[in-house]
Protein backbone atom coordinates (compact mmCIF):
# COMPACT_ATOMS: atom_id res chain seq x y z
CA LYS A 1 -16.29 -0.89 -17.57
CA ILE A 2 -17.36 -3.01 -20.50
CA CYS A 3 -15.38 -5.69 -22.24
CA PRO A 4 -16.51 -7.76 -25.23
CA GLY A 5 -18.25 -10.95 -24.26
CA PHE A 6 -17.45 -14.28 -25.89
CA SER A 7 -19.92 -15.00 -28.66
CA PRO A 8 -19.73 -18.55 -30.06
CA MET A 9 -20.37 -18.54 -33.80
CA SER A 10 -22.74 -20.86 -35.56
CA ALA A 11 -21.85 -22.74 -38.74
CA ASP A 12 -23.20 -19.92 -40.93
CA GLY A 13 -21.06 -17.37 -39.10
CA ILE A 14 -23.96 -15.73 -37.26
CA GLY A 15 -23.59 -15.71 -33.50
CA PRO A 16 -26.43 -15.85 -30.99
CA GLY A 17 -26.00 -12.14 -30.21
CA VAL A 18 -24.34 -12.32 -26.80
CA GLY A 19 -23.94 -8.72 -25.58
CA PRO A 20 -20.98 -7.08 -23.86
CA ARG A 21 -20.02 -8.34 -20.43
CA ALA A 22 -19.86 -5.85 -17.54
CA LEU A 23 -16.76 -6.04 -15.35
CA THR A 24 -17.08 -6.00 -11.59
CA ARG A 25 -16.41 -2.58 -10.07
CA SER A 26 -13.17 -2.45 -8.10
CA LEU A 27 -13.61 -2.15 -4.35
CA THR A 28 -9.94 -1.35 -3.89
CA TYR A 29 -9.20 1.48 -6.33
CA GLU A 30 -11.20 4.42 -7.56
CA GLU A 31 -11.06 4.20 -11.35
CA ASP A 32 -11.33 6.90 -14.03
CA ARG A 33 -10.88 9.76 -11.61
CA PHE A 34 -10.17 12.83 -13.73
CA LEU A 35 -8.52 15.74 -11.93
CA ARG A 36 -7.38 19.29 -12.69
CA GLY A 37 -9.49 19.47 -15.85
CA HIS A 38 -7.94 16.40 -17.50
CA THR A 39 -10.06 13.97 -19.49
CA SER A 40 -7.59 11.12 -19.01
CA VAL A 41 -5.77 9.73 -16.00
CA TRP A 42 -2.11 10.09 -15.11
CA GLY A 43 -0.14 7.32 -16.77
CA SER A 44 -2.40 7.07 -19.83
CA TRP A 45 0.37 8.41 -22.09
CA TYR A 46 4.11 7.72 -22.31
CA ASN A 47 6.68 10.05 -23.85
CA ILE A 48 9.18 7.79 -25.60
CA ASP A 49 11.74 10.57 -26.06
CA THR A 50 11.91 11.68 -22.41
CA ARG A 51 10.80 8.32 -20.95
CA GLU A 52 8.17 9.95 -18.78
CA TRP A 53 4.54 9.16 -18.07
CA GLY A 54 1.83 11.77 -18.48
CA TYR A 55 -1.72 12.58 -19.52
CA ARG A 56 -3.01 11.45 -22.92
CA CYS A 57 -5.41 14.38 -23.27
CA CYS A 58 -2.78 17.15 -23.28
CA LYS A 59 0.49 15.17 -23.67
CA SER A 60 1.80 16.75 -20.46
CA SER A 61 4.27 14.83 -18.31
CA VAL A 62 3.98 17.22 -15.34
CA ARG A 63 1.83 15.53 -12.74
CA ASN A 64 -0.90 17.57 -11.04
CA GLN A 65 -0.51 20.39 -13.57
CA ALA A 66 -3.83 21.72 -14.90
CA CYS A 67 -4.81 20.48 -18.34
CA VAL A 68 -4.14 23.08 -21.02
CA HIS A 69 -7.39 22.13 -22.76
CA ALA A 70 -9.55 22.63 -19.66
CA VAL A 71 -11.95 25.56 -19.61
CA ASP A 72 -12.60 25.63 -15.86
CA VAL A 73 -9.89 24.01 -13.77
CA PRO A 74 -11.12 22.85 -10.34
CA LEU A 75 -9.12 24.08 -7.38
CA GLU A 76 -9.58 20.88 -5.45
CA GLY A 77 -8.92 17.22 -6.15
CA VAL A 78 -5.16 17.10 -6.71
CA ASP A 79 -4.45 13.41 -6.80
CA ASP A 80 -1.33 13.49 -4.66
CA ALA A 81 -0.90 16.89 -3.09
CA PRO A 82 1.89 17.26 -0.52
CA ALA A 83 0.68 15.90 2.77
CA SER A 84 0.14 18.32 5.63
CA GLU A 85 1.42 17.85 9.14
CA ASP A 86 -2.15 16.97 10.21
CA ASP A 87 -2.36 13.21 9.90
CA SER A 88 -5.73 12.75 11.58
CA LEU A 89 -8.46 10.64 10.03
CA GLU A 90 -10.35 13.78 9.02
CA ALA A 91 -7.32 15.20 7.19
CA GLU A 92 -7.34 12.24 4.81
CA GLY A 93 -10.82 13.05 3.55
CA SER A 94 -13.96 10.98 3.39
CA ASP A 95 -12.89 8.60 0.61
CA ASP A 96 -12.70 4.99 1.72
CA VAL A 97 -11.23 3.65 -1.53
CA MET A 98 -7.67 3.50 -2.79
CA ASP A 99 -6.54 5.66 -5.70
CA VAL A 100 -4.31 3.65 -8.04
CA HIS A 101 -2.72 6.87 -9.30
CA LEU A 102 -1.25 7.83 -5.93
CA ASN A 103 2.49 7.47 -5.57
CA ALA A 104 4.01 4.97 -3.13
CA GLU A 105 3.87 7.32 -0.15
CA GLY A 106 0.27 8.23 -0.88
CA ARG A 107 -0.86 4.61 -1.25
CA ILE A 108 0.76 3.57 2.01
CA ARG A 109 -0.67 6.50 3.92
CA ARG A 110 -4.17 6.10 2.44
CA TRP A 111 -4.34 2.35 3.08
CA CYS A 112 -3.27 2.69 6.70
CA LYS A 113 -5.90 5.35 7.34
CA ILE A 114 -8.63 3.39 5.59
CA CYS A 115 -7.86 0.41 7.86
CA ILE A 116 -7.76 2.56 11.01
CA ARG A 117 -11.02 4.26 10.04
CA GLU A 118 -12.67 0.90 9.39
CA TRP A 119 -11.41 -0.37 12.76
CA HIS A 120 -12.97 2.65 14.49
CA GLN A 121 -16.26 2.21 12.65
CA SER A 122 -16.33 -1.50 13.44
CA HIS A 123 -16.28 -0.66 17.15
CA GLU A 124 -18.91 2.05 16.75
CA ASN A 125 -21.18 -0.28 14.78
CA LYS A 126 -20.37 -3.24 17.05
CA ARG A 127 -19.33 -5.39 14.14
CA PRO A 128 -19.44 -8.91 15.61
CA GLU A 129 -16.37 -10.45 13.95
CA VAL A 130 -14.25 -7.50 15.09
CA CYS A 131 -15.65 -6.96 18.59
CA SER A 132 -15.42 -10.66 19.42
CA ASP A 133 -11.80 -10.88 18.28
CA GLN A 134 -9.25 -10.95 21.09
CA THR A 135 -6.96 -8.45 19.36
CA PHE A 136 -9.20 -6.24 17.27
CA GLY A 137 -11.96 -6.10 19.84
CA ASN A 138 -9.51 -4.40 22.18
CA ARG A 139 -9.67 -0.60 21.85
CA GLN A 140 -6.23 -0.28 23.42
CA ARG A 141 -4.74 -2.22 20.49
CA LEU A 142 -6.43 0.21 18.13
CA SER A 143 -4.98 3.20 20.00
CA GLU A 144 -1.52 1.62 19.97
CA ALA A 145 -1.63 0.98 16.22
CA GLU A 146 -2.86 4.50 15.56
CA SER A 147 -0.08 5.98 17.70
CA HIS A 148 2.66 3.77 16.27
CA LEU A 149 1.77 4.73 12.69
CA GLN A 150 2.37 8.46 13.29
CA PRO A 151 6.19 8.16 12.82
CA LEU A 152 5.55 6.32 9.54
CA TYR A 153 3.39 9.20 8.30
CA ARG A 154 6.15 11.65 9.23
CA VAL A 155 8.92 9.83 7.36
CA LEU A 156 6.62 9.47 4.34
CA ASN A 157 5.76 13.17 4.38
CA LYS A 158 9.43 14.13 4.63
CA GLY A 159 10.62 11.55 2.09
CA GLU A 160 13.02 10.00 4.61
CA LEU A 161 12.14 6.35 4.04
CA PRO A 162 14.89 4.71 1.91
CA GLU A 163 13.68 3.95 -1.61
CA GLU A 164 14.25 0.20 -1.30
CA HIS A 165 12.15 0.01 1.85
CA LEU A 166 9.55 2.43 0.48
CA GLN A 167 8.91 0.22 -2.55
CA MET A 168 8.76 -2.87 -0.35
CA VAL A 169 6.18 -1.32 1.99
CA ALA A 170 4.21 -0.10 -1.04
CA LYS A 171 4.25 -3.65 -2.46
CA PHE A 172 3.02 -4.94 0.90
CA VAL A 173 0.13 -2.44 0.82
CA ASP A 174 -0.75 -3.22 -2.82
CA LEU A 175 -0.92 -6.94 -2.07
CA CYS A 176 -3.16 -6.29 0.94
CA CYS A 177 -5.43 -4.19 -1.29
CA ASP A 178 -5.61 -7.10 -3.73
CA ARG A 179 -6.36 -9.43 -0.77
CA GLU A 180 -3.23 -11.45 -1.48
CA TYR A 181 -2.58 -11.84 2.22
CA GLN A 182 -0.07 -14.68 2.12
CA GLN A 183 2.08 -12.85 -0.43
CA ALA A 184 1.82 -9.65 1.61
CA ASN A 185 3.04 -11.55 4.65
CA GLN A 186 6.06 -12.81 2.68
CA VAL A 187 6.95 -9.21 1.86
CA TYR A 188 6.58 -8.39 5.57
CA VAL A 189 8.97 -11.22 6.48
CA THR A 190 11.51 -9.98 3.93
CA LEU A 191 11.12 -6.45 5.25
CA THR A 192 11.72 -7.44 8.86
CA ILE A 193 14.22 -10.31 8.55
CA GLY A 194 15.47 -10.80 5.03
CA ASN A 195 17.36 -7.49 4.75
CA THR A 196 18.94 -7.49 8.21
CA LYS A 197 22.72 -7.96 8.05
CA TRP A 198 23.48 -8.47 11.72
CA HIS A 199 20.94 -8.31 14.51
CA HIS A 200 23.59 -7.96 17.22
CA SER A 201 27.32 -7.54 17.64
CA MET A 202 28.87 -10.93 18.33
CA ASN A 203 32.08 -12.72 19.26
CA VAL A 204 33.24 -15.74 17.23
CA ASN A 205 35.70 -17.81 19.31
CA PHE A 206 35.92 -20.90 17.12
CA THR A 207 36.62 -20.75 13.40
CA ALA A 208 37.69 -23.24 10.77
CA CYS A 209 40.60 -21.03 9.73
CA ASN A 210 44.07 -21.61 11.22
CA LYS A 211 44.91 -17.96 10.55
CA ALA A 212 42.14 -16.58 12.75
CA PRO A 213 43.32 -14.11 15.39
CA ARG A 214 44.09 -15.43 18.86
CA GLY A 215 41.04 -15.07 21.06
CA GLY A 216 38.62 -15.21 18.15
CA MET A 217 37.02 -12.42 16.14
CA HIS A 218 34.63 -9.68 17.16
CA ILE A 219 31.97 -8.90 14.58
CA THR A 220 30.35 -5.52 15.01
CA LYS A 221 26.85 -4.92 13.78
CA THR A 222 26.57 -2.28 11.09
CA LYS A 223 24.99 1.04 12.03
CA ASP A 224 21.24 0.92 12.61
CA SER A 225 19.28 1.80 9.50
CA ALA A 226 16.12 3.87 9.43
CA MET A 227 14.16 0.62 9.59
CA GLU A 228 15.86 -0.58 12.78
CA THR A 229 14.88 2.23 15.12
CA GLU A 230 12.39 1.55 17.88
CA GLU A 231 9.78 3.71 16.17
CA ALA A 232 10.22 1.82 12.89
CA LYS A 233 9.89 -1.54 14.62
CA ASN A 234 6.60 -0.37 16.14
CA TRP A 235 5.04 0.82 12.88
CA ILE A 236 6.20 -2.30 11.04
CA ILE A 237 4.41 -4.41 13.66
CA SER A 238 1.35 -2.19 13.23
CA LEU A 239 1.40 -2.82 9.47
CA ARG A 240 1.30 -6.56 10.16
CA ARG A 241 -1.62 -5.99 12.51
CA LEU A 242 -3.47 -4.07 9.80
CA LEU A 243 -2.83 -6.95 7.40
CA CYS A 244 -4.58 -9.31 9.83
CA PHE A 245 -7.40 -6.81 10.31
CA SER A 246 -7.85 -6.50 6.53
CA GLN A 247 -8.08 -10.26 6.24
CA LEU A 248 -10.77 -10.28 8.91
CA VAL A 249 -13.01 -7.57 7.46
CA TRP A 250 -12.16 -7.93 3.73
CA PRO A 251 -11.58 -11.68 3.28
CA ASN A 252 -10.50 -13.20 -0.01
CA ASP A 253 -12.99 -15.55 -1.62
CA ASP A 254 -10.08 -17.95 -2.04
CA ARG A 255 -9.29 -18.81 1.58
CA SER A 256 -6.06 -20.51 0.54
CA LYS A 257 -4.64 -16.97 0.23
CA HIS A 258 -5.33 -16.27 3.90
CA LEU A 259 -2.85 -16.47 6.74
CA ALA A 260 -3.41 -19.15 9.35
CA LEU A 261 -4.02 -17.00 12.43
């Protein structure tokens, strides 16, 4: 990517000829990935009438549809094809970068698998900062995280994660990708504590109201949500563990954005 560099002008209006400045290549997202014969990315065009995003090259708002201007449409490379039941590391492909054009489910799934793959490779390559860590140097912790994430992959594949929670987890993942680890942790706290109405049923025996029923009141916890099952609690904890792992292997240059572990 090239952006114009700043060229200070002299008094006669002739600058010193400073050339364009090259932007640093993103390590988080794969940019300008053209699929299905398109020459532009999804989201490069917006249909004002239907309020839908699409491709600038063919003005189509149907995602993953082949470009009408393409001569030879590749059969592979759909940017967000429906996930299969096989959620192994191999099923995710060999890419180790995030695709900004994936939907929320795809970004969450891809990030988790990139982290798990990196954790595996760190053990294989005996990466010192990982192998010497009390948590991440333990292969049992890796197996636990990998196992606990399987229910998350299933609910993402089936579309069973409530939209509010889906967007919150996606925001958590996006912040981790941007190495904004403190902000990601705040989203994690909101996800685990901030949205919980009642953690337990409870009895209130003393109130400030003289019309309270004799013997106090019994407050019953609302029905468990999809995020309050035992499986969900396990994969949420695993997400937090992957956040800490990301901070270890992909630190932010600004250490003030790190968690104090």
